[in-house]
Amino acid sequence: MSSSSDGDRGDSTGASLAAVLPDEGPSIALGRAGQSDSLDVDGERMGVLSGWTGGDEAIGRPRLEAAAWLVALVALVADVALTRYGLAIGAVEANPLARSLIESVGPAVAMGTLKLFGVAVALSTRGFLPEPYRFLAPVCLAGPWTVAALSNAVVVFVLL
């Protein structure tokens, strides 16, 4: 494997690595094209290797995060609504912390407090995540809340 010429080594946006395969094979360069990582074979860009490295992919990140927050909000509303309805028809809260809060302050205040705490934790930790992974904050809310809402739906269906 031999090194590439000076023009293939990269610039201030990132380094490149190039090689010529034995027997005058194709020239392969791995490096940056604009801001996206790419693979070049004989001077042709073969595609993006990483979906998180800028370029057009960066446009989709805010949409992905917004969609994740929307899913988390829908899951929150479904969980709260189905929990309140389930409690009204005789179900018992399975979460011991939530059950204790519901018994002491009522379902509306208890669920509001717990959900606001979850959102506060997600929002506060979101800033510590690298930008490409910030969508994980609402995903970490949406996952358990969706499971809880589905579980509540099954309980409500059985009790009806």
N, C-alpha and C. Protein backbone atom coordinates (compact mmCIF):
# COMPACT_ATOMS: atom_id res chain seq x y z
N MET A 1 0.86 -1.16 0.00
CA MET A 1 0.00 0.00 0.00
C MET A 1 0.90 1.22 0.00
N SER A 2 0.64 2.14 -0.88
CA SER A 2 1.47 3.32 -0.96
C SER A 2 0.68 4.55 -0.61
N SER A 3 1.39 5.59 -0.23
CA SER A 3 0.75 6.85 0.15
C SER A 3 0.29 7.59 -1.08
N SER A 4 -0.68 8.45 -0.91
CA SER A 4 -1.20 9.23 -2.04
C SER A 4 -0.36 10.48 -2.23
N SER A 5 -0.67 11.20 -3.26
CA SER A 5 0.01 12.46 -3.51
C SER A 5 -0.44 13.50 -2.49
N ASP A 6 0.27 14.62 -2.44
CA ASP A 6 -0.05 15.67 -1.46
C ASP A 6 -1.46 16.19 -1.63
N GLY A 7 -2.00 16.21 -2.84
CA GLY A 7 -3.34 16.72 -3.06
C GLY A 7 -4.41 15.85 -2.45
N ASP A 8 -4.12 14.57 -2.18
CA ASP A 8 -5.11 13.65 -1.63
C ASP A 8 -5.05 13.54 -0.11
N ARG A 9 -4.13 14.25 0.51
CA ARG A 9 -3.95 14.06 1.95
C ARG A 9 -4.95 14.82 2.79
N GLY A 10 -5.67 15.73 2.23
CA GLY A 10 -6.68 16.42 3.02
C GLY A 10 -6.42 17.90 3.11
N ASP A 11 -7.30 18.56 3.79
CA ASP A 11 -7.17 19.99 4.01
C ASP A 11 -7.60 20.29 5.44
N SER A 12 -7.95 21.53 5.71
CA SER A 12 -8.29 21.91 7.08
C SER A 12 -9.59 21.29 7.55
N THR A 13 -10.43 20.75 6.64
CA THR A 13 -11.70 20.15 7.08
C THR A 13 -11.53 18.73 7.53
N GLY A 14 -10.43 18.09 7.25
CA GLY A 14 -10.23 16.72 7.70
C GLY A 14 -9.18 16.02 6.87
N ALA A 15 -8.68 14.95 7.41
CA ALA A 15 -7.62 14.22 6.74
C ALA A 15 -8.21 13.24 5.75
N SER A 16 -7.39 12.87 4.76
CA SER A 16 -7.77 11.85 3.79
C SER A 16 -6.73 10.76 3.83
N LEU A 17 -7.15 9.58 3.49
CA LEU A 17 -6.25 8.45 3.38
C LEU A 17 -6.49 7.85 2.01
N ALA A 18 -5.45 7.70 1.23
CA ALA A 18 -5.62 7.15 -0.11
C ALA A 18 -4.63 6.03 -0.32
N ALA A 19 -4.99 5.12 -1.18
CA ALA A 19 -4.10 4.00 -1.47
C ALA A 19 -4.31 3.55 -2.90
N VAL A 20 -3.28 2.98 -3.48
CA VAL A 20 -3.39 2.34 -4.78
C VAL A 20 -3.22 0.86 -4.54
N LEU A 21 -4.19 0.09 -4.97
CA LEU A 21 -4.13 -1.35 -4.79
C LEU A 21 -3.06 -1.93 -5.71
N PRO A 22 -2.48 -3.09 -5.34
CA PRO A 22 -1.44 -3.70 -6.17
C PRO A 22 -1.91 -3.92 -7.60
N ASP A 23 -0.96 -4.02 -8.53
CA ASP A 23 -1.21 -4.28 -9.94
C ASP A 23 -2.05 -3.19 -10.58
N GLU A 24 -1.75 -1.94 -10.23
CA GLU A 24 -2.44 -0.81 -10.84
C GLU A 24 -3.95 -0.88 -10.69
N GLY A 25 -4.42 -1.34 -9.53
CA GLY A 25 -5.86 -1.44 -9.25
C GLY A 25 -6.47 -0.06 -9.08
N PRO A 26 -7.72 -0.02 -8.70
CA PRO A 26 -8.38 1.28 -8.55
C PRO A 26 -7.79 2.08 -7.40
N SER A 27 -7.86 3.38 -7.54
CA SER A 27 -7.42 4.28 -6.49
C SER A 27 -8.58 4.49 -5.54
N ILE A 28 -8.34 4.30 -4.25
CA ILE A 28 -9.39 4.45 -3.25
C ILE A 28 -8.98 5.54 -2.28
N ALA A 29 -9.87 6.50 -2.03
CA ALA A 29 -9.59 7.57 -1.08
C ALA A 29 -10.72 7.63 -0.06
N LEU A 30 -10.35 7.65 1.19
CA LEU A 30 -11.32 7.80 2.27
C LEU A 30 -11.04 9.14 2.92
N GLY A 31 -12.01 10.01 2.92
CA GLY A 31 -11.77 11.32 3.50
C GLY A 31 -13.02 12.15 3.51
N ARG A 32 -12.84 13.44 3.44
CA ARG A 32 -13.97 14.35 3.53
C ARG A 32 -14.25 14.97 2.17
N ALA A 33 -15.52 14.97 1.82
CA ALA A 33 -15.99 15.68 0.63
C ALA A 33 -16.96 16.71 1.16
N GLY A 34 -16.56 17.94 1.17
CA GLY A 34 -17.37 18.97 1.84
C GLY A 34 -17.29 18.71 3.33
N GLN A 35 -18.42 18.44 3.96
CA GLN A 35 -18.41 18.13 5.38
C GLN A 35 -18.82 16.70 5.65
N SER A 36 -19.14 15.92 4.62
CA SER A 36 -19.59 14.55 4.81
C SER A 36 -18.45 13.58 4.54
N ASP A 37 -18.32 12.57 5.36
CA ASP A 37 -17.36 11.53 5.08
C ASP A 37 -17.80 10.79 3.83
N SER A 38 -16.84 10.44 2.99
CA SER A 38 -17.20 9.75 1.75
C SER A 38 -16.09 8.78 1.37
N LEU A 39 -16.43 7.92 0.45
CA LEU A 39 -15.49 6.98 -0.12
C LEU A 39 -15.38 7.28 -1.59
N ASP A 40 -14.18 7.59 -2.06
CA ASP A 40 -13.96 7.87 -3.48
C ASP A 40 -13.19 6.73 -4.10
N VAL A 41 -13.70 6.20 -5.19
CA VAL A 41 -13.02 5.16 -5.94
C VAL A 41 -12.76 5.72 -7.32
N ASP A 42 -11.50 5.82 -7.70
CA ASP A 42 -11.09 6.40 -8.99
C ASP A 42 -11.75 7.75 -9.23
N GLY A 43 -11.78 8.58 -8.20
CA GLY A 43 -12.29 9.93 -8.34
C GLY A 43 -13.79 10.09 -8.28
N GLU A 44 -14.54 9.01 -8.11
CA GLU A 44 -15.99 9.10 -8.01
C GLU A 44 -16.43 8.90 -6.57
N ARG A 45 -17.28 9.79 -6.10
CA ARG A 45 -17.79 9.68 -4.74
C ARG A 45 -18.79 8.54 -4.69
N MET A 46 -18.56 7.60 -3.79
CA MET A 46 -19.39 6.40 -3.71
C MET A 46 -20.54 6.54 -2.73
N GLY A 47 -20.49 7.50 -1.84
CA GLY A 47 -21.61 7.66 -0.91
C GLY A 47 -21.15 8.10 0.45
N VAL A 48 -22.10 8.40 1.27
CA VAL A 48 -21.83 8.86 2.62
C VAL A 48 -21.63 7.66 3.52
N LEU A 49 -20.55 7.67 4.28
CA LEU A 49 -20.27 6.57 5.19
C LEU A 49 -20.93 6.78 6.55
N SER A 50 -21.15 8.00 6.93
CA SER A 50 -21.72 8.28 8.23
C SER A 50 -22.86 9.26 8.07
N GLY A 51 -24.01 8.93 8.64
CA GLY A 51 -25.16 9.80 8.54
C GLY A 51 -25.15 10.95 9.53
N TRP A 52 -24.13 11.06 10.35
CA TRP A 52 -24.14 12.07 11.42
C TRP A 52 -23.05 13.12 11.24
N THR A 53 -22.48 13.26 10.07
CA THR A 53 -21.29 14.09 9.96
C THR A 53 -21.51 15.39 9.20
N GLY A 54 -22.69 15.91 9.15
CA GLY A 54 -22.89 17.20 8.52
C GLY A 54 -23.49 17.07 7.14
N GLY A 55 -23.31 18.11 6.33
CA GLY A 55 -23.86 18.10 4.99
C GLY A 55 -25.37 18.06 5.03
N ASP A 56 -25.98 17.42 4.05
CA ASP A 56 -27.44 17.35 3.97
C ASP A 56 -28.05 16.60 5.15
N GLU A 57 -27.31 15.69 5.76
CA GLU A 57 -27.84 14.93 6.88
C GLU A 57 -28.15 15.83 8.07
N ALA A 58 -27.43 16.94 8.22
CA ALA A 58 -27.64 17.85 9.34
C ALA A 58 -29.01 18.48 9.29
N ILE A 59 -29.59 18.62 8.10
CA ILE A 59 -30.91 19.21 7.96
C ILE A 59 -31.95 18.32 8.62
N GLY A 60 -31.79 17.01 8.56
CA GLY A 60 -32.76 16.07 9.10
C GLY A 60 -32.71 15.94 10.61
N ARG A 61 -31.62 16.34 11.24
CA ARG A 61 -31.50 16.17 12.69
C ARG A 61 -32.55 16.93 13.48
N PRO A 62 -32.78 18.21 13.21
CA PRO A 62 -33.83 18.91 13.97
C PRO A 62 -35.20 18.28 13.74
N ARG A 63 -35.46 17.80 12.53
CA ARG A 63 -36.74 17.15 12.26
C ARG A 63 -36.86 15.85 13.04
N LEU A 64 -35.78 15.10 13.11
CA LEU A 64 -35.78 13.85 13.87
C LEU A 64 -36.04 14.12 15.34
N GLU A 65 -35.38 15.12 15.88
CA GLU A 65 -35.58 15.45 17.29
C GLU A 65 -36.99 15.96 17.53
N ALA A 66 -37.51 16.80 16.62
CA ALA A 66 -38.88 17.30 16.76
C ALA A 66 -39.88 16.15 16.71
N ALA A 67 -39.65 15.20 15.81
CA ALA A 67 -40.54 14.04 15.72
C ALA A 67 -40.46 13.20 17.00
N ALA A 68 -39.27 13.06 17.56
CA ALA A 68 -39.12 12.30 18.80
C ALA A 68 -39.84 13.00 19.95
N TRP A 69 -39.78 14.33 20.01
CA TRP A 69 -40.51 15.07 21.05
C TRP A 69 -42.01 14.92 20.85
N LEU A 70 -42.46 14.91 19.61
CA LEU A 70 -43.89 14.74 19.34
C LEU A 70 -44.36 13.35 19.78
N VAL A 71 -43.57 12.33 19.49
CA VAL A 71 -43.91 10.97 19.93
C VAL A 71 -43.94 10.91 21.46
N ALA A 72 -42.96 11.56 22.11
CA ALA A 72 -42.94 11.58 23.58
C ALA A 72 -44.18 12.28 24.13
N LEU A 73 -44.59 13.38 23.51
CA LEU A 73 -45.78 14.10 23.96
C LEU A 73 -47.04 13.25 23.79
N VAL A 74 -47.17 12.59 22.65
CA VAL A 74 -48.33 11.72 22.43
C VAL A 74 -48.34 10.58 23.43
N ALA A 75 -47.16 9.99 23.68
CA ALA A 75 -47.06 8.90 24.66
C ALA A 75 -47.41 9.39 26.06
N LEU A 76 -46.96 10.59 26.41
CA LEU A 76 -47.27 11.18 27.72
C LEU A 76 -48.78 11.35 27.88
N VAL A 77 -49.41 11.94 26.89
CA VAL A 77 -50.86 12.18 26.96
C VAL A 77 -51.61 10.84 27.04
N ALA A 78 -51.20 9.88 26.21
CA ALA A 78 -51.87 8.57 26.22
C ALA A 78 -51.69 7.88 27.58
N ASP A 79 -50.49 7.93 28.12
CA ASP A 79 -50.23 7.31 29.41
C ASP A 79 -51.07 7.95 30.51
N VAL A 80 -51.08 9.27 30.57
CA VAL A 80 -51.85 9.97 31.60
C VAL A 80 -53.35 9.71 31.44
N ALA A 81 -53.85 9.83 30.22
CA ALA A 81 -55.29 9.64 29.99
C ALA A 81 -55.72 8.22 30.33
N LEU A 82 -54.96 7.24 29.87
CA LEU A 82 -55.33 5.84 30.14
C LEU A 82 -55.15 5.49 31.61
N THR A 83 -54.15 6.08 32.27
CA THR A 83 -53.97 5.84 33.70
C THR A 83 -55.17 6.40 34.47
N ARG A 84 -55.54 7.63 34.17
CA ARG A 84 -56.69 8.23 34.88
C ARG A 84 -57.97 7.45 34.62
N TYR A 85 -58.17 7.04 33.37
CA TYR A 85 -59.38 6.28 33.06
C TYR A 85 -59.33 4.92 33.76
N GLY A 86 -58.19 4.26 33.73
CA GLY A 86 -58.04 2.97 34.40
C GLY A 86 -58.30 3.06 35.88
N LEU A 87 -57.78 4.09 36.52
CA LEU A 87 -58.02 4.28 37.95
C LEU A 87 -59.50 4.51 38.23
N ALA A 88 -60.15 5.22 37.32
CA ALA A 88 -61.58 5.51 37.51
C ALA A 88 -62.45 4.26 37.39
N ILE A 89 -62.00 3.26 36.63
CA ILE A 89 -62.80 2.05 36.47
C ILE A 89 -62.31 0.89 37.34
N GLY A 90 -61.40 1.17 38.27
CA GLY A 90 -61.00 0.16 39.24
C GLY A 90 -59.61 -0.42 39.10
N ALA A 91 -58.81 0.06 38.18
CA ALA A 91 -57.43 -0.42 38.06
C ALA A 91 -56.60 0.13 39.21
N VAL A 92 -55.48 -0.49 39.45
CA VAL A 92 -54.55 -0.06 40.50
C VAL A 92 -53.22 0.28 39.84
N GLU A 93 -52.64 1.41 40.22
CA GLU A 93 -51.34 1.80 39.68
C GLU A 93 -50.29 0.78 40.08
N ALA A 94 -49.52 0.27 39.09
CA ALA A 94 -48.52 -0.75 39.35
C ALA A 94 -47.20 -0.16 39.87
N ASN A 95 -46.88 1.06 39.49
CA ASN A 95 -45.64 1.70 39.91
C ASN A 95 -45.79 2.14 41.36
N PRO A 96 -44.95 1.61 42.28
CA PRO A 96 -45.11 1.94 43.70
C PRO A 96 -44.92 3.43 44.01
N LEU A 97 -43.98 4.09 43.35
CA LEU A 97 -43.77 5.51 43.58
C LEU A 97 -44.99 6.31 43.11
N ALA A 98 -45.45 6.01 41.91
CA ALA A 98 -46.64 6.70 41.39
C ALA A 98 -47.86 6.41 42.25
N ARG A 99 -48.02 5.15 42.68
CA ARG A 99 -49.16 4.79 43.52
C ARG A 99 -49.14 5.57 44.83
N SER A 100 -47.97 5.70 45.43
CA SER A 100 -47.83 6.44 46.67
C SER A 100 -48.18 7.92 46.47
N LEU A 101 -47.68 8.50 45.39
CA LEU A 101 -48.00 9.90 45.11
C LEU A 101 -49.48 10.09 44.81
N ILE A 102 -50.06 9.19 44.05
CA ILE A 102 -51.49 9.28 43.73
C ILE A 102 -52.33 9.23 45.00
N GLU A 103 -51.95 8.35 45.93
CA GLU A 103 -52.70 8.22 47.19
C GLU A 103 -52.56 9.47 48.06
N SER A 104 -51.40 10.13 47.98
CA SER A 104 -51.19 11.28 48.86
C SER A 104 -51.64 12.61 48.26
N VAL A 105 -51.50 12.82 46.95
CA VAL A 105 -51.84 14.12 46.37
C VAL A 105 -52.89 14.05 45.26
N GLY A 106 -53.32 12.88 44.90
CA GLY A 106 -54.31 12.74 43.83
C GLY A 106 -53.65 12.44 42.49
N PRO A 107 -54.41 11.85 41.58
CA PRO A 107 -53.83 11.42 40.30
C PRO A 107 -53.34 12.56 39.42
N ALA A 108 -54.06 13.65 39.35
CA ALA A 108 -53.66 14.74 38.46
C ALA A 108 -52.32 15.35 38.88
N VAL A 109 -52.21 15.68 40.15
CA VAL A 109 -50.97 16.29 40.65
C VAL A 109 -49.81 15.29 40.59
N ALA A 110 -50.08 14.05 40.97
CA ALA A 110 -49.03 13.02 40.98
C ALA A 110 -48.48 12.79 39.58
N MET A 111 -49.38 12.57 38.61
CA MET A 111 -48.92 12.30 37.25
C MET A 111 -48.27 13.53 36.63
N GLY A 112 -48.83 14.69 36.89
CA GLY A 112 -48.22 15.92 36.39
C GLY A 112 -46.82 16.12 36.92
N THR A 113 -46.64 15.87 38.21
CA THR A 113 -45.33 16.01 38.83
C THR A 113 -44.33 15.03 38.24
N LEU A 114 -44.74 13.77 38.13
CA LEU A 114 -43.83 12.75 37.60
C LEU A 114 -43.45 13.03 36.14
N LYS A 115 -44.42 13.42 35.33
CA LYS A 115 -44.14 13.68 33.91
C LYS A 115 -43.29 14.94 33.75
N LEU A 116 -43.58 15.98 34.52
CA LEU A 116 -42.76 17.19 34.45
C LEU A 116 -41.32 16.91 34.89
N PHE A 117 -41.16 16.06 35.90
CA PHE A 117 -39.81 15.69 36.33
C PHE A 117 -39.08 14.96 35.20
N GLY A 118 -39.76 14.04 34.53
CA GLY A 118 -39.15 13.32 33.41
C GLY A 118 -38.74 14.25 32.29
N VAL A 119 -39.62 15.19 31.94
CA VAL A 119 -39.30 16.14 30.87
C VAL A 119 -38.13 17.04 31.30
N ALA A 120 -38.12 17.46 32.56
CA ALA A 120 -37.02 18.31 33.06
C ALA A 120 -35.68 17.58 32.99
N VAL A 121 -35.68 16.31 33.35
CA VAL A 121 -34.44 15.52 33.27
C VAL A 121 -33.99 15.41 31.81
N ALA A 122 -34.92 15.11 30.92
CA ALA A 122 -34.58 14.97 29.49
C ALA A 122 -34.04 16.28 28.92
N LEU A 123 -34.68 17.38 29.25
CA LEU A 123 -34.23 18.68 28.74
C LEU A 123 -32.87 19.06 29.31
N SER A 124 -32.65 18.77 30.58
CA SER A 124 -31.37 19.15 31.19
C SER A 124 -30.22 18.27 30.71
N THR A 125 -30.48 17.01 30.43
CA THR A 125 -29.40 16.14 29.95
C THR A 125 -29.17 16.29 28.44
N ARG A 126 -30.17 16.76 27.72
CA ARG A 126 -30.07 16.93 26.27
C ARG A 126 -28.86 17.79 25.91
N GLY A 127 -28.63 18.85 26.67
CA GLY A 127 -27.53 19.76 26.39
C GLY A 127 -26.15 19.14 26.54
N PHE A 128 -26.05 18.05 27.28
CA PHE A 128 -24.77 17.38 27.46
C PHE A 128 -24.47 16.38 26.35
N LEU A 129 -25.48 16.07 25.55
CA LEU A 129 -25.30 15.11 24.47
C LEU A 129 -24.70 15.80 23.26
N PRO A 130 -23.83 15.10 22.51
CA PRO A 130 -23.37 15.67 21.24
C PRO A 130 -24.57 15.89 20.33
N GLU A 131 -24.53 16.91 19.50
CA GLU A 131 -25.68 17.28 18.69
C GLU A 131 -26.31 16.12 17.92
N PRO A 132 -25.53 15.24 17.31
CA PRO A 132 -26.18 14.16 16.55
C PRO A 132 -27.02 13.22 17.41
N TYR A 133 -26.82 13.22 18.71
CA TYR A 133 -27.51 12.28 19.59
C TYR A 133 -28.54 12.94 20.50
N ARG A 134 -28.82 14.21 20.29
CA ARG A 134 -29.77 14.91 21.16
C ARG A 134 -31.19 14.38 21.02
N PHE A 135 -31.50 13.76 19.90
CA PHE A 135 -32.82 13.18 19.73
C PHE A 135 -33.07 12.05 20.71
N LEU A 136 -32.02 11.51 21.31
CA LEU A 136 -32.17 10.41 22.26
C LEU A 136 -32.86 10.84 23.56
N ALA A 137 -32.77 12.12 23.91
CA ALA A 137 -33.44 12.59 25.13
C ALA A 137 -34.94 12.35 25.06
N PRO A 138 -35.64 12.80 24.01
CA PRO A 138 -37.06 12.50 23.96
C PRO A 138 -37.35 11.03 23.68
N VAL A 139 -36.45 10.34 23.00
CA VAL A 139 -36.66 8.91 22.75
C VAL A 139 -36.66 8.15 24.07
N CYS A 140 -35.80 8.58 25.00
CA CYS A 140 -35.75 7.92 26.32
C CYS A 140 -37.02 8.17 27.13
N LEU A 141 -37.76 9.21 26.81
CA LEU A 141 -39.06 9.43 27.43
C LEU A 141 -40.14 8.64 26.68
N ALA A 142 -40.10 8.73 25.37
CA ALA A 142 -41.15 8.12 24.55
C ALA A 142 -41.20 6.61 24.71
N GLY A 143 -40.05 5.97 24.84
CA GLY A 143 -40.03 4.51 24.96
C GLY A 143 -40.82 3.99 26.14
N PRO A 144 -40.42 4.34 27.35
CA PRO A 144 -41.16 3.85 28.52
C PRO A 144 -42.60 4.35 28.59
N TRP A 145 -42.85 5.59 28.16
CA TRP A 145 -44.21 6.11 28.21
C TRP A 145 -45.11 5.39 27.20
N THR A 146 -44.56 5.02 26.06
CA THR A 146 -45.34 4.25 25.08
C THR A 146 -45.66 2.87 25.62
N VAL A 147 -44.68 2.22 26.24
CA VAL A 147 -44.92 0.91 26.85
C VAL A 147 -45.98 1.03 27.95
N ALA A 148 -45.87 2.07 28.78
CA ALA A 148 -46.86 2.27 29.85
C ALA A 148 -48.25 2.50 29.27
N ALA A 149 -48.35 3.31 28.21
CA ALA A 149 -49.66 3.57 27.60
C ALA A 149 -50.25 2.29 27.01
N LEU A 150 -49.42 1.49 26.35
CA LEU A 150 -49.91 0.22 25.80
C LEU A 150 -50.34 -0.73 26.91
N SER A 151 -49.57 -0.77 27.98
CA SER A 151 -49.94 -1.60 29.12
C SER A 151 -51.26 -1.12 29.73
N ASN A 152 -51.41 0.19 29.87
CA ASN A 152 -52.66 0.74 30.39
C ASN A 152 -53.84 0.41 29.48
N ALA A 153 -53.60 0.46 28.17
CA ALA A 153 -54.68 0.14 27.22
C ALA A 153 -55.13 -1.31 27.38
N VAL A 154 -54.18 -2.22 27.59
CA VAL A 154 -54.53 -3.63 27.80
C VAL A 154 -55.34 -3.78 29.09
N VAL A 155 -54.90 -3.12 30.16
CA VAL A 155 -55.61 -3.20 31.44
C VAL A 155 -57.03 -2.65 31.29
N VAL A 156 -57.17 -1.51 30.65
CA VAL A 156 -58.49 -0.91 30.45
C VAL A 156 -59.36 -1.86 29.62
N PHE A 157 -58.81 -2.43 28.57
CA PHE A 157 -59.57 -3.35 27.72
C PHE A 157 -60.06 -4.56 28.52
N VAL A 158 -59.20 -5.10 29.36
CA VAL A 158 -59.57 -6.26 30.18
C VAL A 158 -60.66 -5.90 31.19
N LEU A 159 -60.57 -4.70 31.75
CA LEU A 159 -61.55 -4.28 32.77
C LEU A 159 -62.90 -3.91 32.16
N LEU A 160 -62.94 -3.61 30.89
CA LEU A 160 -64.23 -3.22 30.29
C LEU A 160 -65.10 -4.39 30.03
